[in-house]
Amino acid sequence: MGISNFPTALQPIIQQGFLEREFETALKSRLGYRLIADREEFAVGIGETLTKTRAGLKPSVTTPLAAATNTNLDNGLTATNWGVEQYTISLNFYAATQDLNMVTSRVGIASQFLQNAATNGEQAARSLDELARNALFAPYFGGNTRVITTLSSAGPALEVDDVRGFQTVFVNGVQQNVSATYPMTVAVGANVYTVVGVVVDATNVSTAPNGISGQLQFSANVTVADGTAGNSVQAATASAIVRPASRGNSAALQATDTLSMGNLLDAVALLRRNAVPTVQGVYNCYLDPVSARQLFADPDFKQLFQGATSANPVFRQGMVSDFLGLRFITTTEAYVQAHPSIEGLSIRRPIVCGQGALIEGDFAGMAADDVAPKDSLVNILDGVAMVTREPIDRLQQIIAQSWYWIGGFCAPSDTTTTPNTVPTATNANYKRAVMIEHIG
């Protein structure tokens, strides 16, 4: 589609690039979560799903080789291999459009034309940021839930609020459905059990953001004391969640459990224990303005800046920057959930991320000549395609302004980093981010 097909009144606007600059400016106003994603190009002609393999480490050798066994062709050694793990990125298509009738809006045609482009740009940026947020948080909710229905008697099945993180286990780096062949060790209440199956509810009643309620099936009966509503259920490979007062689950949070500097330091310590690399020297902490405000009421935080509050930019600007090994990034897209059992309270969830916590796959074919010919009005800006279609209705009056993005996000696992290879590491499947839950 050439520019010459557009009305003469619009050709100067398009030729001067006003539309493209307006769209690009809106895309740069990101909301936060997409910033943590490492960009990877999804090549053309390899299908809709890309599986990547990450090599692990071998355990340390601290026992000397005995002279008596240093014989034969193998010198008394047994060959060992490093482990692998896989993660998958799936392509999806996202798009939106808006029409502009040149006749009915002729008085303000130029400004409305540009405003539509700016609005589309903001919508695209916000949509991708929410996709990044959802992909980042989902695995870090995993393996952490609570009982929602008390057992009437000891039995092998429990109704839980969220089955994410209980449905699959990693076997040689590949995720397999939980079963009797591939069981999962889970702590319920005060005891440890083995999960051999998961059944998702037909009607989802989960209170967790994007949660999936369901039933966990065990290899043996769960006691009534452990299977009481409100008790915590945690997988052995659950993602780390930091809560004030060491609360066992989100429903156990109380009105006094606000965000503190100690919670942030605990999150940083967990990332460092797992040898998670930093992002330009510090970890990124994504939090909403209420969470950031609560820091200023924390006694440890106030003591850190005591005597320098008038000159310190942290207090002058009413925000926090790089300190405590963290880079604070405020966002309005953070999850805010009503407390499951205490009316009037909300649960907020800052998340502290290291390098590689999220991967974004952008489809390389969006800018191909057969998709976006050189004489068409298709511009690729920050990985998003902006499309302006000429009027093709009978009266040649209606212009379509659209955007689309082909790609996907995923949070890679780190199952090969274990206490055998990194002594301070945890057993969590996903280690590159730590979620904090608090009341706010």
Protein backbone atom coordinates (compact mmCIF):
# COMPACT_ATOMS: atom_id res chain seq x y z
CA MET A 1 0.00 0.00 0.00
CA GLY A 2 1.61 3.26 -1.09
CA ILE A 3 1.25 6.71 0.44
CA SER A 4 -0.15 7.92 -2.85
CA ASN A 5 -3.35 5.98 -2.16
CA PHE A 6 -4.14 8.24 0.81
CA PRO A 7 -6.03 11.53 0.55
CA THR A 8 -3.83 14.49 -0.34
CA ALA A 9 -4.62 16.17 2.99
CA LEU A 10 -2.97 13.31 4.86
CA GLN A 11 0.08 12.72 2.68
CA PRO A 12 2.22 15.53 4.19
CA ILE A 13 1.59 14.17 7.70
CA ILE A 14 2.68 10.68 6.71
CA GLN A 15 5.67 11.85 4.66
CA GLN A 16 7.02 13.95 7.54
CA GLY A 17 6.91 10.94 9.86
CA PHE A 18 4.68 12.60 12.48
CA LEU A 19 2.63 9.44 12.96
CA GLU A 20 5.66 7.20 13.48
CA ARG A 21 7.22 9.52 16.04
CA GLU A 22 3.97 9.78 17.98
CA PHE A 23 3.63 6.00 18.16
CA GLU A 24 7.25 5.48 19.17
CA THR A 25 7.01 7.99 22.01
CA ALA A 26 4.03 6.16 23.49
CA LEU A 27 5.79 2.80 23.34
CA LYS A 28 8.79 4.14 25.27
CA SER A 29 6.50 4.97 28.19
CA ARG A 30 6.73 1.38 29.46
CA LEU A 31 5.10 0.36 32.69
CA GLY A 32 7.98 -1.71 34.03
CA TYR A 33 7.74 -5.48 33.89
CA ARG A 34 8.79 -5.81 30.25
CA LEU A 35 12.09 -4.15 31.15
CA ILE A 36 13.33 -7.25 32.96
CA ALA A 37 12.85 -9.48 29.90
CA ASP A 38 15.84 -10.57 27.85
CA ARG A 39 14.92 -10.13 24.18
CA GLU A 40 15.38 -13.09 21.84
CA GLU A 41 14.42 -13.25 18.18
CA PHE A 42 12.06 -16.07 17.24
CA ALA A 43 13.27 -17.15 13.80
CA VAL A 44 10.98 -17.72 10.81
CA GLY A 45 10.10 -21.25 9.74
CA ILE A 46 10.60 -23.14 13.03
CA GLY A 47 6.97 -23.53 14.10
CA GLU A 48 4.97 -21.82 16.81
CA THR A 49 6.89 -23.13 19.83
CA LEU A 50 10.57 -22.78 20.62
CA THR A 51 12.21 -25.05 23.20
CA LYS A 52 15.58 -23.98 24.54
CA THR A 53 18.00 -26.10 26.54
CA ARG A 54 20.16 -24.80 29.37
CA ALA A 55 23.23 -26.73 30.51
CA GLY A 56 23.75 -27.29 34.23
CA LEU A 57 26.83 -27.76 36.39
CA LYS A 58 28.58 -30.82 37.81
CA PRO A 59 29.01 -31.31 41.57
CA SER A 60 32.28 -30.27 43.16
CA VAL A 61 34.99 -32.89 43.71
CA THR A 62 36.45 -32.69 47.22
CA THR A 63 37.58 -36.31 47.72
CA PRO A 64 41.09 -37.13 46.52
CA LEU A 65 41.60 -39.99 44.11
CA ALA A 66 42.92 -42.99 46.01
CA ALA A 67 46.17 -44.37 44.69
CA ALA A 68 44.93 -47.94 45.01
CA THR A 69 42.05 -47.29 42.60
CA ASN A 70 44.12 -45.37 40.07
CA THR A 71 44.44 -48.36 37.80
CA ASN A 72 43.22 -49.76 34.50
CA LEU A 73 42.09 -47.69 31.55
CA ASP A 74 39.57 -45.66 33.57
CA ASN A 75 42.03 -44.79 36.37
CA GLY A 76 39.32 -45.67 38.86
CA LEU A 77 37.06 -42.87 37.62
CA THR A 78 33.37 -43.05 36.78
CA ALA A 79 32.13 -40.78 34.02
CA THR A 80 29.50 -38.23 35.03
CA ASN A 81 27.54 -35.77 32.94
CA TRP A 82 26.14 -32.33 33.55
CA GLY A 83 22.37 -31.94 33.73
CA VAL A 84 20.11 -30.04 31.36
CA GLU A 85 16.78 -28.27 31.64
CA GLN A 86 14.40 -26.97 29.03
CA TYR A 87 12.03 -24.06 28.78
CA THR A 88 9.54 -23.23 26.08
CA ILE A 89 8.40 -20.00 24.42
CA SER A 90 5.15 -20.10 22.47
CA LEU A 91 4.19 -17.59 19.80
CA ASN A 92 0.86 -15.82 20.10
CA PHE A 93 -0.77 -13.09 18.04
CA TYR A 94 -2.04 -9.90 19.72
CA ALA A 95 -3.66 -7.01 17.89
CA ALA A 96 -6.13 -4.11 18.13
CA THR A 97 -7.52 -1.54 15.71
CA GLN A 98 -9.32 1.77 15.54
CA ASP A 99 -11.22 3.43 12.69
CA LEU A 100 -11.12 7.08 11.68
CA ASN A 101 -13.87 8.53 9.48
CA MET A 102 -12.30 11.43 7.64
CA VAL A 103 -15.63 13.08 6.90
CA THR A 104 -17.16 13.12 10.37
CA SER A 105 -13.86 14.19 11.95
CA ARG A 106 -12.63 16.45 9.18
CA VAL A 107 -12.35 19.54 11.37
CA GLY A 108 -9.67 17.94 13.52
CA ILE A 109 -8.34 15.33 11.14
CA ALA A 110 -4.61 15.76 11.87
CA SER A 111 -4.82 15.85 15.65
CA GLN A 112 -7.26 12.94 15.82
CA PHE A 113 -5.08 10.95 13.45
CA LEU A 114 -2.08 11.44 15.73
CA GLN A 115 -4.11 10.92 18.89
CA ASN A 116 -5.32 7.57 17.60
CA ALA A 117 -1.70 6.57 17.00
CA ALA A 118 -0.70 7.66 20.51
CA THR A 119 -3.63 5.78 22.06
CA ASN A 120 -2.78 2.64 20.11
CA GLY A 121 0.82 2.95 21.25
CA GLU A 122 -0.17 3.23 24.91
CA GLN A 123 -2.49 0.26 24.55
CA ALA A 124 0.25 -1.84 22.97
CA ALA A 125 2.78 -0.90 25.64
CA ARG A 126 0.37 -1.66 28.48
CA SER A 127 -0.75 -4.93 26.89
CA LEU A 128 2.81 -6.22 26.51
CA ASP A 129 3.67 -5.10 30.02
CA GLU A 130 0.74 -7.06 31.44
CA LEU A 131 1.71 -10.11 29.39
CA ALA A 132 5.24 -9.82 30.81
CA ARG A 133 3.85 -9.45 34.34
CA ASN A 134 1.61 -12.51 34.00
CA ALA A 135 4.43 -14.66 32.61
CA LEU A 136 6.82 -13.47 35.34
CA PHE A 137 4.52 -14.00 38.31
CA ALA A 138 2.89 -17.32 37.32
CA PRO A 139 5.84 -19.62 38.15
CA TYR A 140 6.70 -17.63 41.30
CA PHE A 141 3.23 -18.29 42.70
CA GLY A 142 3.89 -21.96 41.97
CA GLY A 143 3.99 -24.56 44.72
CA ASN A 144 2.54 -22.20 47.35
CA THR A 145 -1.11 -22.49 48.30
CA ARG A 146 -3.50 -23.36 51.16
CA VAL A 147 -6.30 -25.76 52.00
CA ILE A 148 -9.73 -24.26 51.30
CA THR A 149 -12.02 -27.08 52.50
CA THR A 150 -11.46 -28.91 55.79
CA LEU A 151 -11.41 -32.70 55.56
CA SER A 152 -14.33 -34.38 57.34
CA SER A 153 -12.08 -37.38 57.92
CA ALA A 154 -8.59 -38.44 56.90
CA GLY A 155 -8.45 -38.84 53.13
CA PRO A 156 -6.15 -38.82 50.09
CA ALA A 157 -7.50 -35.65 48.42
CA LEU A 158 -7.42 -31.96 49.34
CA GLU A 159 -9.15 -28.94 47.85
CA VAL A 160 -6.62 -26.12 47.47
CA ASP A 161 -6.77 -22.52 46.33
CA ASP A 162 -4.15 -22.76 43.55
CA VAL A 163 -2.66 -25.82 41.86
CA ARG A 164 0.00 -23.97 39.89
CA GLY A 165 3.40 -25.45 40.62
CA PHE A 166 1.88 -28.80 41.64
CA GLN A 167 0.91 -30.06 38.19
CA THR A 168 4.35 -30.94 36.81
CA VAL A 169 7.78 -32.02 38.01
CA PHE A 170 11.11 -31.70 36.25
CA VAL A 171 12.59 -35.03 35.15
CA ASN A 172 16.02 -34.75 33.52
CA GLY A 173 15.25 -31.12 32.78
CA VAL A 174 11.89 -31.82 31.10
CA GLN A 175 8.53 -31.13 32.75
CA GLN A 176 6.36 -34.23 33.28
CA ASN A 177 2.80 -34.36 34.61
CA VAL A 178 2.63 -35.32 38.28
CA SER A 179 1.63 -38.98 38.64
CA ALA A 180 2.46 -42.13 40.57
CA THR A 181 5.46 -42.46 38.24
CA TYR A 182 6.50 -38.84 38.72
CA PRO A 183 5.39 -37.90 42.27
CA MET A 184 5.96 -34.63 44.11
CA THR A 185 6.93 -34.13 47.75
CA VAL A 186 4.61 -31.61 49.43
CA ALA A 187 4.33 -30.26 52.98
CA VAL A 188 0.75 -29.96 54.23
CA GLY A 189 0.29 -28.41 57.63
CA ALA A 190 2.89 -30.00 59.91
CA ASN A 191 3.68 -33.11 57.84
CA VAL A 192 5.10 -34.17 54.48
CA TYR A 193 3.11 -36.12 51.89
CA THR A 194 3.44 -37.28 48.29
CA VAL A 195 1.23 -35.86 45.54
CA VAL A 196 0.47 -38.29 42.70
CA GLY A 197 -2.22 -36.38 40.83
CA VAL A 198 -3.88 -33.01 40.29
CA VAL A 199 -7.46 -32.32 39.19
CA VAL A 200 -8.41 -28.79 38.12
CA ASP A 201 -11.83 -27.52 39.24
CA ALA A 202 -14.48 -27.17 36.55
CA THR A 203 -15.40 -23.84 38.15
CA ASN A 204 -12.38 -21.83 39.21
CA VAL A 205 -12.71 -20.41 42.74
CA SER A 206 -9.08 -19.42 43.30
CA THR A 207 -8.48 -16.08 45.02
CA ALA A 208 -4.87 -15.78 43.74
CA PRO A 209 -4.23 -13.56 40.71
CA ASN A 210 -4.74 -15.81 37.65
CA GLY A 211 -4.85 -18.74 40.08
CA ILE A 212 -6.29 -22.18 39.28
CA SER A 213 -8.21 -23.93 42.04
CA GLY A 214 -8.29 -27.71 42.17
CA GLN A 215 -7.72 -30.92 44.05
CA LEU A 216 -4.40 -32.47 45.05
CA GLN A 217 -4.39 -36.27 45.20
CA PHE A 218 -1.96 -37.98 47.58
CA SER A 219 -0.45 -41.46 47.81
CA ALA A 220 -1.67 -41.75 51.43
CA ASN A 221 -4.36 -40.23 53.63
CA VAL A 222 -3.90 -36.67 54.88
CA THR A 223 -4.86 -36.18 58.52
CA VAL A 224 -7.72 -33.87 59.47
CA ALA A 225 -5.30 -31.73 61.49
CA ASP A 226 -3.16 -31.14 58.38
CA GLY A 227 -6.13 -30.92 56.02
CA THR A 228 -7.81 -28.05 57.85
CA ALA A 229 -8.86 -24.98 55.86
CA GLY A 230 -6.25 -22.25 55.98
CA ASN A 231 -3.27 -24.59 56.45
CA SER A 232 -0.32 -23.98 54.14
CA VAL A 233 0.50 -26.38 51.31
CA GLN A 234 4.01 -26.07 49.90
CA ALA A 235 5.88 -28.13 47.33
CA ALA A 236 9.47 -29.12 48.02
CA THR A 237 10.44 -27.17 44.89
CA ALA A 238 8.15 -24.20 45.57
CA SER A 239 9.23 -20.70 44.59
CA ALA A 240 10.37 -18.49 47.45
CA ILE A 241 7.80 -16.01 48.81
CA VAL A 242 8.76 -13.56 51.55
CA ARG A 243 6.02 -12.49 53.98
CA PRO A 244 6.18 -10.36 57.14
CA ALA A 245 6.26 -12.36 60.39
CA SER A 246 7.02 -15.50 58.34
CA ARG A 247 3.33 -16.06 57.53
CA GLY A 248 2.74 -19.42 55.86
CA ASN A 249 0.39 -18.23 53.11
CA SER A 250 -1.33 -15.11 51.81
CA ALA A 251 -4.56 -15.73 53.77
CA ALA A 252 -2.57 -15.76 57.03
CA LEU A 253 -1.39 -12.16 56.57
CA GLN A 254 -2.62 -9.73 59.23
CA ALA A 255 -3.33 -5.99 59.18
CA THR A 256 0.08 -5.24 60.73
CA ASP A 257 2.04 -7.17 58.10
CA THR A 258 3.29 -4.23 56.05
CA LEU A 259 6.36 -4.05 53.83
CA SER A 260 9.64 -3.57 55.68
CA MET A 261 13.27 -3.14 54.74
CA GLY A 262 13.90 -6.54 56.32
CA ASN A 263 11.60 -8.19 53.76
CA LEU A 264 13.59 -6.62 50.93
CA LEU A 265 16.90 -7.71 52.44
CA ASP A 266 15.53 -11.25 52.78
CA ALA A 267 14.62 -11.26 49.09
CA VAL A 268 18.08 -10.01 48.11
CA ALA A 269 19.68 -12.66 50.31
CA LEU A 270 17.66 -15.42 48.60
CA LEU A 271 18.75 -14.25 45.16
CA ARG A 272 22.37 -14.09 46.25
CA ARG A 273 22.13 -17.54 47.83
CA ASN A 274 21.11 -18.87 44.43
CA ALA A 275 23.92 -16.97 42.67
CA VAL A 276 21.41 -15.06 40.54
CA PRO A 277 23.22 -12.43 38.44
CA THR A 278 22.33 -8.78 38.99
CA VAL A 279 20.95 -6.30 36.47
CA GLN A 280 23.76 -3.76 35.98
CA GLY A 281 25.01 -4.24 39.53
CA VAL A 282 21.72 -4.45 41.46
CA TYR A 283 18.45 -6.38 41.45
CA ASN A 284 15.25 -4.82 40.07
CA CYS A 285 12.37 -4.45 42.52
CA TYR A 286 8.98 -3.80 40.91
CA LEU A 287 6.41 -2.41 43.34
CA ASP A 288 3.35 -0.19 43.39
CA PRO A 289 3.28 3.28 45.01
CA VAL A 290 1.61 1.99 48.21
CA SER A 291 4.37 -0.54 48.77
CA ALA A 292 6.98 2.16 48.18
CA ARG A 293 5.21 4.46 50.65
CA GLN A 294 5.24 1.82 53.37
CA LEU A 295 9.03 1.78 53.32
CA PHE A 296 9.10 5.34 54.64
CA ALA A 297 7.19 4.19 57.73
CA ASP A 298 9.55 1.31 58.44
CA PRO A 299 11.79 2.03 61.48
CA ASP A 300 14.87 0.42 59.90
CA PHE A 301 14.39 2.45 56.74
CA LYS A 302 14.02 5.71 58.66
CA GLN A 303 17.09 4.95 60.76
CA LEU A 304 19.12 4.36 57.61
CA PHE A 305 18.53 7.98 56.57
CA GLN A 306 18.35 9.51 60.05
CA GLY A 307 20.00 12.93 60.24
CA ALA A 308 20.12 13.33 56.47
CA THR A 309 16.48 13.48 55.52
CA SER A 310 16.49 17.11 54.43
CA ALA A 311 19.33 16.67 51.97
CA ASN A 312 18.82 13.09 50.84
CA PRO A 313 17.08 12.81 47.45
CA VAL A 314 15.24 9.69 48.60
CA PHE A 315 13.17 11.77 51.02
CA ARG A 316 13.09 14.94 48.91
CA GLN A 317 11.57 13.12 45.95
CA GLY A 318 9.36 10.82 48.00
CA MET A 319 10.67 7.75 46.20
CA VAL A 320 13.44 5.21 46.49
CA SER A 321 16.30 4.63 44.08
CA ASP A 322 19.30 2.30 44.01
CA PHE A 323 20.25 1.13 47.50
CA LEU A 324 20.17 -2.08 49.56
CA GLY A 325 21.35 -3.83 46.39
CA LEU A 326 18.05 -2.92 44.73
CA ARG A 327 16.80 -0.70 41.94
CA PHE A 328 13.22 0.34 42.74
CA ILE A 329 10.83 0.62 39.80
CA THR A 330 7.31 1.75 40.65
CA THR A 331 4.46 0.51 38.48
CA THR A 332 0.69 0.76 38.49
CA GLU A 333 0.37 -2.71 36.98
CA ALA A 334 1.36 -4.58 40.18
CA TYR A 335 -1.08 -7.21 41.44
CA VAL A 336 -3.44 -5.95 44.15
CA GLN A 337 -5.71 -8.61 45.66
CA ALA A 338 -8.48 -8.34 48.22
CA HIS A 339 -7.59 -10.29 51.36
CA PRO A 340 -9.32 -13.71 51.19
CA SER A 341 -10.66 -13.59 54.74
CA ILE A 342 -10.26 -10.06 56.22
CA GLU A 343 -12.61 -7.52 54.70
CA GLY A 344 -11.12 -4.17 53.75
CA LEU A 345 -7.51 -5.36 53.49
CA SER A 346 -5.52 -5.75 50.29
CA ILE A 347 -2.51 -7.93 49.52
CA ARG A 348 0.27 -6.32 47.50
CA ARG A 349 3.10 -8.11 45.75
CA PRO A 350 6.43 -6.46 45.02
CA ILE A 351 8.81 -8.76 43.13
CA VAL A 352 12.61 -8.66 43.16
CA CYS A 353 14.23 -9.91 39.94
CA GLY A 354 17.69 -10.79 38.75
CA GLN A 355 19.08 -11.09 35.23
CA GLY A 356 17.29 -13.71 33.14
CA ALA A 357 14.10 -13.81 35.21
CA LEU A 358 12.02 -13.38 32.05
CA ILE A 359 12.57 -13.98 28.34
CA GLU A 360 10.71 -12.27 25.53
CA GLY A 361 10.57 -13.91 22.13
CA ASP A 362 9.82 -11.54 19.23
CA PHE A 363 8.83 -13.10 15.91
CA ALA A 364 11.34 -12.07 13.26
CA GLY A 365 8.80 -12.39 10.45
CA MET A 366 6.81 -9.30 11.45
CA ALA A 367 9.13 -7.07 9.43
CA ALA A 368 9.51 -9.38 6.42
CA ASP A 369 9.01 -7.76 3.01
CA ASP A 370 6.08 -10.02 2.13
CA VAL A 371 4.35 -9.05 5.39
CA ALA A 372 5.32 -5.37 5.45
CA PRO A 373 6.28 -4.33 1.88
CA LYS A 374 8.53 -1.31 1.52
CA ASP A 375 5.76 0.89 0.09
CA SER A 376 3.27 0.00 2.86
CA LEU A 377 2.58 1.91 6.03
CA VAL A 378 3.72 -0.79 8.44
CA ASN A 379 6.30 0.38 10.96
CA ILE A 380 8.03 -1.91 13.46
CA LEU A 381 8.72 0.05 16.64
CA ASP A 382 10.09 -1.58 19.78
CA GLY A 383 9.04 -4.95 18.43
CA VAL A 384 5.44 -3.87 17.74
CA ALA A 385 4.00 -3.34 14.26
CA MET A 386 1.96 -0.19 13.58
CA VAL A 387 -0.30 -0.51 10.55
CA THR A 388 -2.18 2.31 8.83
CA ARG A 389 -4.59 1.10 6.15
CA GLU A 390 -5.84 3.30 3.34
CA PRO A 391 -9.62 3.85 2.98
CA ILE A 392 -11.04 0.90 1.04
CA ASP A 393 -14.73 1.43 1.78
CA ARG A 394 -17.09 2.42 -1.04
CA LEU A 395 -16.83 6.12 -0.22
CA GLN A 396 -13.09 5.95 0.60
CA GLN A 397 -13.61 7.72 3.89
CA ILE A 398 -12.61 5.30 6.68
CA ILE A 399 -8.97 4.81 7.64
CA ALA A 400 -7.94 1.91 9.93
CA GLN A 401 -5.13 2.41 12.45
CA SER A 402 -3.96 -0.82 14.06
CA TRP A 403 -1.11 -2.50 15.90
CA TYR A 404 -0.05 -6.09 16.30
CA TRP A 405 2.65 -8.12 18.03
CA ILE A 406 3.65 -11.73 17.48
CA GLY A 407 5.67 -13.24 20.28
CA GLY A 408 5.59 -14.59 23.79
CA PHE A 409 7.11 -14.44 27.27
CA CYS A 410 8.36 -17.19 29.54
CA ALA A 411 10.18 -17.47 32.86
CA PRO A 412 13.03 -19.99 32.58
CA SER A 413 13.74 -22.45 35.38
CA ASP A 414 17.01 -23.16 37.18
CA THR A 415 16.55 -26.73 38.36
CA THR A 416 20.18 -27.66 37.68
CA THR A 417 21.40 -25.16 40.29
CA THR A 418 21.14 -27.20 43.48
CA PRO A 419 22.98 -27.41 46.81
CA ASN A 420 25.22 -30.00 45.11
CA THR A 421 26.58 -27.38 42.71
CA VAL A 422 25.99 -24.15 44.66
CA PRO A 423 26.04 -24.99 48.40
CA THR A 424 23.86 -22.03 49.42
CA ALA A 425 21.22 -22.63 46.73
CA THR A 426 17.60 -23.51 47.46
CA ASN A 427 15.59 -26.35 45.90
CA ALA A 428 13.15 -24.01 44.13
CA ASN A 429 12.58 -24.73 40.46
CA TYR A 430 12.45 -21.00 39.70
CA LYS A 431 15.16 -18.98 41.41
CA ARG A 432 15.66 -15.72 39.51
CA ALA A 433 12.94 -13.74 41.27
CA VAL A 434 11.50 -13.52 44.78
CA MET A 435 7.95 -12.35 45.41
CA ILE A 436 7.02 -10.44 48.56
CA GLU A 437 3.46 -10.48 49.92
CA HIS A 438 2.30 -7.86 52.38
CA ILE A 439 -0.78 -5.94 53.47
CA GLY A 440 -1.31 -2.49 52.05
